[in-house]
Amino acid sequence: MASKRDYYEVLGLSKNATDADIKKAYRSLAKKFHPDINKEKGADVKFKEVQEAYEVLSDTQKRASYDQFGHAGMDQQGGFGGFQSGGFEDINDIFGSFFGGGFGSQQRRQAGPRKGEDRLMQLRVDFMDAIFGKTESISLDVEEQCSECMGSGAHSKSDVQVCPTCNGKGQVTTQQRTPFGVFQSSSVCPECQGTGKKILNKCNKCHGKGYERKRVTVDVKIPAGIHSGQQLRVPGKGERGSLGGPNGDLYLEILVSRHKYFQREGNNIYISVPISSLDATLGCKIDVPTVHGDVELTIPSGTQTGTQFRLKAKGVKELNTNNLGDQYVEVKIQVDEKLSREEKELYEKLRNIKGKDSIYDRFKKAFK
């Protein structure tokens, strides 16, 4: 079997990383390699590797054991000096008893219901939908409580009994006598897997698992003014919980599509509009597109290319408020590439009228 990578290396951290560092690295890598997001070959393996590393390093006792004994301390079948450890959390207690001369470790508390991991997905939203909001229906696969047995995994209530191996505790205790004393450890009951229950007849629908995989449609409300990178939370649509615990949550990272003409910066909208040199010289009125519809804009005579005009409150509504951003219109003067004979003659007459007082002539005079 191939050797496992160092857990700190998996998360890209040093051994003095804080709990916050570990959580931040896990969220980033889980998002990067989640099978629902990353379809590249091997991404699922890396995702499981990241989860395993986080499970150990985010737990104070497990991390201490790993720091002291490495992967050997994580092996439930391997122990110190041949001692069979019952679980990751037990190692500190075992060696605490050894060095302290104690007689045994305290029995671990019974594992209770545990909430499932959160799930991360990306949702692409149209540019205009991000501005005005909408309700988006998405379909996804989830594992939810079996509707037949309500999560018990049994055919009927009478088919659920107390586990005879652990007497309903979900844990079994083992002892081993060594030259240094008697060591005691606790581990998950191998018969009931920590549930403390034994099922005589399994549910016909979920076959004893207590949950079923199903395809569901979820309506997600996209709030007006949302930005790319912001997340929406969908409660209870994450990974399945354990031992009767609830599902985790689903987090949707929003990716807003680009628009062909509009650009968004914060709550402001930017657009460039072309006008002719004649319109820029003489001035004109134009209907400018905005996200709220066309708005008439007056272009004063003598307007230069690159001039920017502000349309107040024609931008994006600030998230969760009624404040509106602005729209900025940049004028781009374009010269006609093709002229009719009549147009060309008129331009020639205008140039003759200007004579030696053209814009370029005035520029050249500045150098004399």
Protein backbone atom coordinates (compact mmCIF):
# COMPACT_ATOMS: atom_id res chain seq x y z
CA MET A 1 0.00 0.00 0.00
CA ALA A 2 1.32 3.44 -0.94
CA SER A 3 2.37 5.61 1.98
CA LYS A 4 0.12 8.51 2.89
CA ARG A 5 1.18 12.10 2.41
CA ASP A 6 1.82 14.28 5.42
CA TYR A 7 -1.48 15.89 6.45
CA TYR A 8 0.12 19.32 6.80
CA GLU A 9 1.55 18.96 3.30
CA VAL A 10 -1.89 17.99 1.96
CA LEU A 11 -3.36 21.28 3.28
CA GLY A 12 -0.25 23.29 2.36
CA LEU A 13 0.44 24.28 5.98
CA SER A 14 3.28 24.25 8.47
CA LYS A 15 3.05 22.39 11.78
CA ASN A 16 2.51 25.63 13.72
CA ALA A 17 -0.65 26.45 11.74
CA THR A 18 -3.54 27.80 13.79
CA ASP A 19 -7.07 26.35 13.83
CA ALA A 20 -8.15 29.26 11.65
CA ASP A 21 -5.37 28.50 9.15
CA ILE A 22 -6.47 24.86 8.97
CA LYS A 23 -10.11 25.76 8.43
CA LYS A 24 -9.27 28.33 5.76
CA ALA A 25 -7.00 25.92 3.86
CA TYR A 26 -9.60 23.17 4.03
CA ARG A 27 -12.38 25.36 2.66
CA SER A 28 -10.18 26.54 -0.20
CA LEU A 29 -8.99 23.05 -1.20
CA ALA A 30 -12.38 21.39 -0.69
CA LYS A 31 -13.88 23.94 -3.01
CA LYS A 32 -11.09 23.38 -5.55
CA PHE A 33 -11.31 19.58 -5.66
CA HIS A 34 -15.00 18.97 -4.89
CA PRO A 35 -16.30 16.40 -7.45
CA ASP A 36 -19.34 18.59 -8.15
CA ILE A 37 -17.04 21.41 -9.24
CA ASN A 38 -13.83 19.78 -10.47
CA LYS A 39 -14.39 17.13 -13.13
CA GLU A 40 -10.69 16.45 -13.72
CA LYS A 41 -9.40 12.92 -13.23
CA GLY A 42 -8.17 12.34 -9.70
CA ALA A 43 -9.97 15.34 -8.19
CA ASP A 44 -12.20 13.03 -6.12
CA VAL A 45 -9.13 11.30 -4.67
CA LYS A 46 -7.57 14.65 -3.72
CA PHE A 47 -10.88 15.77 -2.21
CA LYS A 48 -10.98 12.69 0.05
CA GLU A 49 -7.32 13.27 0.96
CA VAL A 50 -8.11 16.85 1.98
CA GLN A 51 -11.12 15.71 4.02
CA GLU A 52 -9.04 13.09 5.83
CA ALA A 53 -6.31 15.63 6.64
CA TYR A 54 -8.86 18.15 7.93
CA GLU A 55 -10.66 15.55 10.05
CA VAL A 56 -7.42 14.87 11.91
CA LEU A 57 -5.89 18.35 12.12
CA SER A 58 -9.14 20.09 13.10
CA ASP A 59 -9.53 17.80 16.11
CA THR A 60 -7.30 18.83 19.02
CA GLN A 61 -6.68 15.29 20.29
CA LYS A 62 -6.22 13.73 16.87
CA ARG A 63 -3.81 16.46 15.86
CA ALA A 64 -1.73 16.03 19.00
CA SER A 65 -1.52 12.31 18.37
CA TYR A 66 -0.58 12.84 14.74
CA ASP A 67 2.08 15.41 15.65
CA GLN A 68 3.64 12.92 18.07
CA PHE A 69 3.28 9.61 16.23
CA GLY A 70 2.47 10.49 12.59
CA HIS A 71 0.25 8.15 10.60
CA ALA A 72 1.07 5.30 12.97
CA GLY A 73 -0.92 7.12 15.61
CA MET A 74 -3.90 7.22 13.27
CA ASP A 75 -3.93 3.49 12.56
CA GLN A 76 -6.67 1.94 14.67
CA GLN A 77 -5.02 -1.47 14.36
CA GLY A 78 -1.54 -0.32 15.33
CA GLY A 79 -0.48 0.87 18.74
CA PHE A 80 2.45 1.45 21.02
CA GLY A 81 4.45 -1.67 21.79
CA GLY A 82 1.82 -3.95 20.23
CA PHE A 83 -1.06 -2.34 22.12
CA GLN A 84 -4.23 -2.30 20.01
CA SER A 85 -5.53 1.26 20.11
CA GLY A 86 -9.26 1.71 19.99
CA GLY A 87 -9.33 5.07 18.21
CA PHE A 88 -7.44 8.24 17.42
CA GLU A 89 -8.60 10.08 20.51
CA ASP A 90 -7.42 7.28 22.81
CA ILE A 91 -3.69 7.61 22.14
CA ASN A 92 -3.17 10.68 24.32
CA ASP A 93 -5.00 9.01 27.21
CA ILE A 94 -2.98 5.81 26.80
CA PHE A 95 0.38 7.53 26.97
CA GLY A 96 -0.82 9.92 29.64
CA SER A 97 -1.52 6.86 31.79
CA PHE A 98 1.85 5.36 30.86
CA PHE A 99 3.97 8.33 31.87
CA GLY A 100 1.79 9.24 34.81
CA GLY A 101 1.75 5.68 36.16
CA GLY A 102 -2.01 5.62 35.98
CA PHE A 103 -4.12 2.52 35.79
CA GLY A 104 -6.13 3.27 32.69
CA SER A 105 -7.75 5.91 30.55
CA GLN A 106 -11.21 7.29 30.87
CA GLN A 107 -13.72 5.72 28.57
CA ARG A 108 -14.62 7.85 25.58
CA ARG A 109 -18.02 9.41 25.57
CA GLN A 110 -20.53 7.83 23.26
CA ALA A 111 -20.55 9.33 19.79
CA GLY A 112 -23.82 11.17 19.21
CA PRO A 113 -25.57 12.46 16.10
CA ARG A 114 -23.21 14.40 13.88
CA LYS A 115 -24.11 16.99 11.27
CA GLY A 116 -22.93 16.27 7.73
CA GLU A 117 -20.25 18.26 5.93
CA ASP A 118 -21.21 21.38 4.02
CA ARG A 119 -21.33 21.12 0.24
CA LEU A 120 -19.87 23.65 -2.18
CA MET A 121 -21.15 24.29 -5.71
CA GLN A 122 -20.99 27.09 -8.25
CA LEU A 123 -24.02 28.68 -9.87
CA ARG A 124 -23.70 30.82 -13.00
CA VAL A 125 -26.15 33.73 -13.14
CA ASP A 126 -27.04 35.95 -16.10
CA PHE A 127 -25.77 39.54 -15.87
CA MET A 128 -29.23 41.09 -15.76
CA ASP A 129 -30.57 38.48 -13.31
CA ALA A 130 -27.78 39.39 -10.89
CA ILE A 131 -28.87 43.03 -11.10
CA PHE A 132 -32.62 42.56 -10.68
CA GLY A 133 -32.75 39.18 -8.91
CA LYS A 134 -34.76 36.07 -9.73
CA THR A 135 -35.64 32.62 -8.43
CA GLU A 136 -33.48 29.90 -9.96
CA SER A 137 -34.47 26.21 -9.85
CA ILE A 138 -31.52 23.81 -9.59
CA SER A 139 -31.49 20.00 -9.53
CA LEU A 140 -29.04 18.01 -7.44
CA ASP A 141 -28.54 14.59 -5.87
CA VAL A 142 -28.81 14.42 -2.08
CA GLU A 143 -28.88 11.70 0.53
CA GLU A 144 -31.80 12.30 2.86
CA GLN A 145 -33.58 10.48 5.66
CA CYS A 146 -35.47 7.45 4.40
CA SER A 147 -39.16 8.34 4.06
CA GLU A 148 -40.19 4.76 4.89
CA CYS A 149 -38.36 4.12 8.18
CA MET A 150 -37.69 7.79 9.06
CA GLY A 151 -33.98 7.08 9.42
CA SER A 152 -34.15 4.08 11.76
CA GLY A 153 -33.14 1.60 9.05
CA ALA A 154 -35.63 -0.92 10.47
CA HIS A 155 -38.76 -2.49 9.00
CA SER A 156 -40.74 -1.52 12.14
CA LYS A 157 -40.12 -0.05 15.59
CA SER A 158 -40.11 -3.53 17.14
CA ASP A 159 -37.19 -4.47 14.88
CA VAL A 160 -34.89 -2.02 16.68
CA GLN A 161 -33.19 -3.47 19.76
CA VAL A 162 -30.35 -2.49 22.03
CA CYS A 163 -27.01 -3.73 20.69
CA PRO A 164 -26.00 -6.74 22.83
CA THR A 165 -22.28 -6.16 22.28
CA CYS A 166 -22.08 -2.61 23.68
CA ASN A 167 -25.41 -2.53 25.60
CA GLY A 168 -26.49 0.54 23.67
CA LYS A 169 -23.41 2.62 24.46
CA GLY A 170 -22.02 2.54 20.94
CA GLN A 171 -18.55 1.91 22.42
CA VAL A 172 -16.67 -1.18 23.56
CA THR A 173 -13.87 -1.14 26.12
CA THR A 174 -10.78 -3.31 25.91
CA GLN A 175 -7.97 -3.84 28.42
CA GLN A 176 -4.44 -5.14 28.01
CA ARG A 177 -1.96 -5.99 30.71
CA THR A 178 1.63 -4.91 30.07
CA PRO A 179 4.78 -4.71 32.23
CA PHE A 180 3.85 -1.06 32.84
CA GLY A 181 0.33 -1.70 34.02
CA VAL A 182 -3.11 -2.32 32.61
CA PHE A 183 -4.14 -0.09 29.72
CA GLN A 184 -7.74 0.53 28.82
CA SER A 185 -9.16 1.98 25.61
CA SER A 186 -12.53 2.53 23.99
CA SER A 187 -13.50 2.07 20.36
CA VAL A 188 -16.60 2.18 18.20
CA CYS A 189 -18.69 -0.94 18.60
CA PRO A 190 -17.94 -3.21 15.61
CA GLU A 191 -21.47 -4.66 15.56
CA CYS A 192 -23.61 -1.49 15.60
CA GLN A 193 -20.99 0.95 14.28
CA GLY A 194 -21.60 3.32 17.17
CA THR A 195 -25.39 3.55 16.92
CA GLY A 196 -26.01 1.46 20.05
CA LYS A 197 -28.80 -0.36 18.21
CA LYS A 198 -29.26 -3.68 16.50
CA ILE A 199 -31.73 -4.03 13.64
CA LEU A 200 -33.48 -7.39 13.35
CA ASN A 201 -35.33 -6.75 10.06
CA LYS A 202 -34.07 -4.03 7.77
CA CYS A 203 -36.22 -1.46 5.98
CA ASN A 204 -37.26 -2.66 2.54
CA LYS A 205 -36.69 0.75 0.98
CA CYS A 206 -33.25 1.77 2.27
CA HIS A 207 -32.05 -1.75 3.21
CA GLY A 208 -31.04 -0.67 6.69
CA LYS A 209 -29.01 2.39 5.74
CA GLY A 210 -31.56 4.86 7.13
CA TYR A 211 -31.21 7.20 4.17
CA GLU A 212 -31.97 7.26 0.47
CA ARG A 213 -30.35 9.00 -2.46
CA LYS A 214 -32.73 11.12 -4.48
CA ARG A 215 -32.83 13.79 -7.17
CA VAL A 216 -34.42 16.97 -5.86
CA THR A 217 -35.22 20.38 -7.28
CA VAL A 218 -34.43 23.37 -5.08
CA ASP A 219 -35.66 26.91 -5.66
CA VAL A 220 -32.88 29.40 -4.92
CA LYS A 221 -33.69 33.08 -4.56
CA ILE A 222 -31.02 35.21 -6.25
CA PRO A 223 -31.13 38.61 -4.48
CA ALA A 224 -30.95 41.77 -6.58
CA GLY A 225 -27.47 43.28 -6.65
CA ILE A 226 -25.48 40.09 -5.92
CA HIS A 227 -21.82 40.01 -7.01
CA SER A 228 -19.60 37.27 -8.37
CA GLY A 229 -17.90 35.40 -5.51
CA GLN A 230 -20.71 35.89 -3.01
CA GLN A 231 -22.34 32.76 -1.62
CA LEU A 232 -25.91 31.69 -0.96
CA ARG A 233 -26.75 29.13 1.71
CA VAL A 234 -29.31 26.38 1.14
CA PRO A 235 -29.96 24.67 4.52
CA GLY A 236 -29.97 20.88 4.74
CA LYS A 237 -28.83 20.12 1.19
CA GLY A 238 -25.23 19.27 2.04
CA GLU A 239 -23.63 15.92 2.82
CA ARG A 240 -25.51 13.35 4.87
CA GLY A 241 -25.12 13.41 8.65
CA SER A 242 -24.10 10.39 10.71
CA LEU A 243 -25.78 8.55 13.58
CA GLY A 244 -29.04 10.35 12.90
CA GLY A 245 -27.49 13.79 12.57
CA PRO A 246 -28.87 16.35 10.09
CA ASN A 247 -27.46 17.03 6.65
CA GLY A 248 -24.92 19.77 6.20
CA ASP A 249 -25.74 22.88 4.18
CA LEU A 250 -25.25 23.66 0.51
CA TYR A 251 -23.27 26.79 -0.35
CA LEU A 252 -23.65 28.20 -3.85
CA GLU A 253 -20.88 30.47 -5.09
CA ILE A 254 -22.30 32.93 -7.60
CA LEU A 255 -20.56 33.47 -10.94
CA VAL A 256 -22.09 36.40 -12.85
CA SER A 257 -21.81 36.18 -16.65
CA ARG A 258 -20.31 39.06 -18.62
CA HIS A 259 -22.48 41.41 -20.68
CA LYS A 260 -21.65 42.32 -24.27
CA TYR A 261 -21.78 46.09 -23.62
CA PHE A 262 -22.27 46.83 -19.93
CA GLN A 263 -19.45 46.58 -17.40
CA ARG A 264 -20.09 46.53 -13.69
CA GLU A 265 -17.82 47.87 -10.96
CA GLY A 266 -19.41 47.62 -7.54
CA ASN A 267 -22.88 49.11 -7.96
CA ASN A 268 -21.95 51.32 -10.92
CA ILE A 269 -22.45 50.48 -14.59
CA TYR A 270 -20.08 51.60 -17.35
CA ILE A 271 -20.74 51.72 -21.10
CA SER A 272 -18.98 53.22 -24.14
CA VAL A 273 -21.10 54.69 -26.94
CA PRO A 274 -19.92 55.75 -30.41
CA ILE A 275 -20.87 59.09 -31.96
CA SER A 276 -19.80 60.77 -35.20
CA SER A 277 -17.36 63.66 -35.35
CA LEU A 278 -20.19 65.88 -36.59
CA ASP A 279 -22.39 65.05 -33.58
CA ALA A 280 -19.45 65.68 -31.26
CA THR A 281 -18.74 69.03 -32.95
CA LEU A 282 -22.30 70.31 -33.21
CA GLY A 283 -23.78 68.55 -30.19
CA CYS A 284 -26.79 66.23 -30.22
CA LYS A 285 -29.24 64.18 -28.14
CA ILE A 286 -28.91 60.38 -28.03
CA ASP A 287 -30.87 57.55 -26.38
CA VAL A 288 -28.35 55.72 -24.20
CA PRO A 289 -29.01 52.08 -23.18
CA THR A 290 -29.04 51.48 -19.42
CA VAL A 291 -29.93 48.38 -17.40
CA HIS A 292 -33.21 50.15 -16.65
CA GLY A 293 -33.99 51.03 -20.29
CA ASP A 294 -33.04 53.87 -22.69
CA VAL A 295 -32.34 57.31 -21.24
CA GLU A 296 -31.96 60.52 -23.29
CA LEU A 297 -28.53 62.11 -22.94
CA THR A 298 -27.53 65.55 -24.23
CA ILE A 299 -24.09 65.67 -25.86
CA PRO A 300 -22.88 69.31 -25.81
CA SER A 301 -21.12 70.80 -28.83
CA GLY A 302 -17.35 70.38 -28.86
CA THR A 303 -17.41 67.11 -26.90
CA GLN A 304 -14.08 65.28 -27.05
CA THR A 305 -13.59 61.52 -27.31
CA GLY A 306 -13.24 59.88 -23.89
CA THR A 307 -15.58 62.40 -22.22
CA GLN A 308 -17.63 60.67 -19.50
CA PHE A 309 -21.19 61.53 -18.53
CA ARG A 310 -22.95 60.42 -15.34
CA LEU A 311 -26.52 59.13 -15.26
CA LYS A 312 -27.50 59.29 -11.60
CA ALA A 313 -29.27 56.28 -10.02
CA LYS A 314 -29.14 54.25 -13.24
CA GLY A 315 -26.83 51.62 -11.84
CA VAL A 316 -27.30 48.54 -9.62
CA LYS A 317 -29.32 48.38 -6.41
CA GLU A 318 -27.05 47.81 -3.44
CA LEU A 319 -27.60 44.36 -1.93
CA ASN A 320 -30.30 44.37 0.78
CA THR A 321 -30.89 48.15 0.45
CA ASN A 322 -32.73 50.52 -1.89
CA ASN A 323 -29.60 52.54 -2.75
CA LEU A 324 -28.84 52.68 -6.47
CA GLY A 325 -25.47 53.12 -8.12
CA ASP A 326 -24.89 55.31 -11.20
CA GLN A 327 -24.21 54.66 -14.85
CA TYR A 328 -21.23 56.29 -16.55
CA VAL A 329 -21.33 56.85 -20.31
CA GLU A 330 -18.02 57.30 -22.13
CA VAL A 331 -18.16 58.91 -25.59
CA LYS A 332 -16.03 57.41 -28.36
CA ILE A 333 -15.82 59.60 -31.49
CA GLN A 334 -15.67 57.52 -34.65
CA VAL A 335 -14.76 58.81 -38.12
CA ASP A 336 -16.72 57.54 -41.11
CA GLU A 337 -14.58 55.24 -43.24
CA LYS A 338 -16.74 55.62 -46.34
CA LEU A 339 -18.21 58.90 -47.62
CA SER A 340 -20.61 59.60 -50.44
CA ARG A 341 -19.54 62.07 -53.15
CA GLU A 342 -21.79 64.75 -51.68
CA GLU A 343 -20.42 64.22 -48.16
CA LYS A 344 -16.86 64.37 -49.40
CA GLU A 345 -17.53 67.64 -51.21
CA LEU A 346 -19.02 69.16 -48.08
CA TYR A 347 -15.99 68.13 -46.03
CA GLU A 348 -13.71 69.69 -48.65
CA LYS A 349 -15.64 72.97 -48.45
CA LEU A 350 -15.34 72.91 -44.64
CA ARG A 351 -11.59 72.35 -44.84
CA ASN A 352 -11.22 75.25 -47.26
CA ILE A 353 -13.17 77.47 -44.90
CA LYS A 354 -10.87 76.50 -42.03
CA GLY A 355 -7.81 77.21 -44.14
CA LYS A 356 -4.68 77.34 -41.99
CA ASP A 357 -6.67 77.32 -38.75
CA SER A 358 -7.20 73.61 -38.42
CA ILE A 359 -6.68 71.78 -35.13
CA TYR A 360 -3.35 70.43 -36.36
CA ASP A 361 -2.19 73.85 -37.52
CA ARG A 362 -2.84 75.28 -34.07
CA PHE A 363 -0.87 72.40 -32.59
CA LYS A 364 2.13 73.10 -34.86
CA LYS A 365 2.14 76.80 -34.02
CA ALA A 366 2.77 75.91 -30.37
CA PHE A 367 6.24 74.66 -31.35
CA LYS A 368 7.34 77.90 -33.05
